[in-house]
């Protein structure tokens, strides 16, 4: 939750992020819907989603492991956001 808040502050994201939701059952429902719920740990598997203003998932990546070698570089994510913004 702390890293998401830091990211939101840095990028001036003006809306709440899922990790900040107060109702854990809502969070778990969303994680299950996106197929990233880790039943064993009751949290999310690391994943990346870019959703446009219409609510359509434009980019999705769920790494096979949470290790550094499988993380998506920030530059890649920013380029994907640019693509979504240019498509509008």
Protein backbone atom coordinates (compact mmCIF):
# COMPACT_ATOMS: atom_id res chain seq x y z
CA UNK A 1 0.00 0.00 0.00
CA UNK A 2 2.84 2.38 0.78
CA UNK A 3 4.50 1.98 -2.62
CA UNK A 4 1.20 2.58 -4.43
CA UNK A 5 0.65 5.78 -2.42
CA UNK A 6 4.17 6.95 -3.22
CA UNK A 7 3.61 6.23 -6.92
CA UNK A 8 0.23 8.00 -6.89
CA UNK A 9 1.79 11.03 -5.19
CA UNK A 10 4.74 11.09 -7.59
CA UNK A 11 2.58 10.82 -10.73
CA UNK A 12 -0.19 12.99 -9.22
CA UNK A 13 -2.83 10.30 -9.77
CA UNK A 14 -6.08 11.99 -8.69
CA UNK A 15 -8.13 8.86 -7.94
CA UNK A 16 -7.92 6.11 -5.32
CA UNK A 17 -5.99 2.96 -6.06
CA UNK A 18 -7.39 -0.46 -5.27
CA UNK A 19 -4.83 -1.14 -2.55
CA UNK A 20 -6.29 1.74 -0.59
CA UNK A 21 -9.84 0.34 -0.54
CA UNK A 22 -11.27 0.00 2.94
CA UNK A 23 -13.46 -3.05 2.30
CA UNK A 24 -11.21 -6.09 1.87
CA UNK A 25 -14.04 -8.19 0.42
CA UNK A 26 -14.33 -5.68 -2.43
CA UNK A 27 -10.60 -5.88 -3.00
CA UNK A 28 -10.69 -9.70 -3.09
CA UNK A 29 -13.63 -9.66 -5.57
CA UNK A 30 -11.71 -7.37 -7.91
CA UNK A 31 -8.52 -9.41 -7.62
CA UNK A 32 -10.46 -12.57 -8.47
CA UNK A 33 -12.14 -10.87 -11.44
CA UNK A 34 -8.71 -9.91 -12.79
CA UNK A 35 -7.35 -13.39 -12.08
CA UNK A 36 -4.57 -12.15 -9.80
CA UNK A 37 -5.84 -13.23 -6.37
CA UNK A 38 -3.35 -15.30 -4.39
CA UNK A 39 -5.65 -17.51 -2.30
CA UNK A 40 -2.82 -18.76 -0.11
CA UNK A 41 -1.58 -15.33 0.94
CA UNK A 42 -4.89 -13.46 0.51
CA UNK A 43 -3.26 -10.79 -1.61
CA UNK A 44 -2.59 -9.99 -5.24
CA UNK A 45 -0.04 -11.60 -7.49
CA UNK A 46 2.15 -8.90 -9.00
CA UNK A 47 0.45 -7.72 -12.15
CA UNK A 48 0.21 -4.76 -14.47
CA UNK A 49 -2.98 -3.39 -15.96
CA UNK A 50 -3.57 -0.23 -17.94
CA UNK A 51 -7.24 0.63 -18.17
CA UNK A 52 -8.52 3.43 -20.37
CA UNK A 53 -11.10 6.06 -19.41
CA UNK A 54 -13.90 3.87 -20.74
CA UNK A 55 -12.85 1.07 -18.38
CA UNK A 56 -11.36 -1.16 -21.08
CA UNK A 57 -8.19 -3.07 -20.22
CA UNK A 58 -5.65 -1.96 -22.83
CA UNK A 59 -2.59 -3.63 -21.35
CA UNK A 60 -2.27 -6.65 -19.09
CA UNK A 61 0.80 -8.50 -17.90
CA UNK A 62 0.91 -11.06 -15.12
CA UNK A 63 4.51 -12.18 -14.66
CA UNK A 64 5.12 -15.86 -13.95
CA UNK A 65 7.07 -14.96 -10.80
CA UNK A 66 7.40 -11.84 -8.63
CA UNK A 67 11.16 -11.85 -9.07
CA UNK A 68 13.07 -8.91 -10.44
CA UNK A 69 13.77 -10.67 -13.74
CA UNK A 70 10.02 -10.77 -14.48
CA UNK A 71 9.19 -7.18 -13.52
CA UNK A 72 8.09 -4.83 -16.28
CA UNK A 73 10.38 -1.82 -16.56
CA UNK A 74 8.80 1.57 -15.79
CA UNK A 75 9.76 2.82 -19.26
CA UNK A 76 7.79 -0.03 -20.85
CA UNK A 77 4.72 0.82 -18.78
CA UNK A 78 4.98 4.51 -19.59
CA UNK A 79 5.22 3.67 -23.30
CA UNK A 80 2.08 1.54 -23.01
CA UNK A 81 0.26 4.44 -21.32
CA UNK A 82 1.36 6.73 -24.17
CA UNK A 83 -0.05 4.24 -26.69
CA UNK A 84 -3.39 4.20 -24.91
CA UNK A 85 -3.46 8.01 -24.77
CA UNK A 86 -2.58 8.33 -28.46
CA UNK A 87 -5.34 5.91 -29.46
CA UNK A 88 -8.02 8.23 -28.06
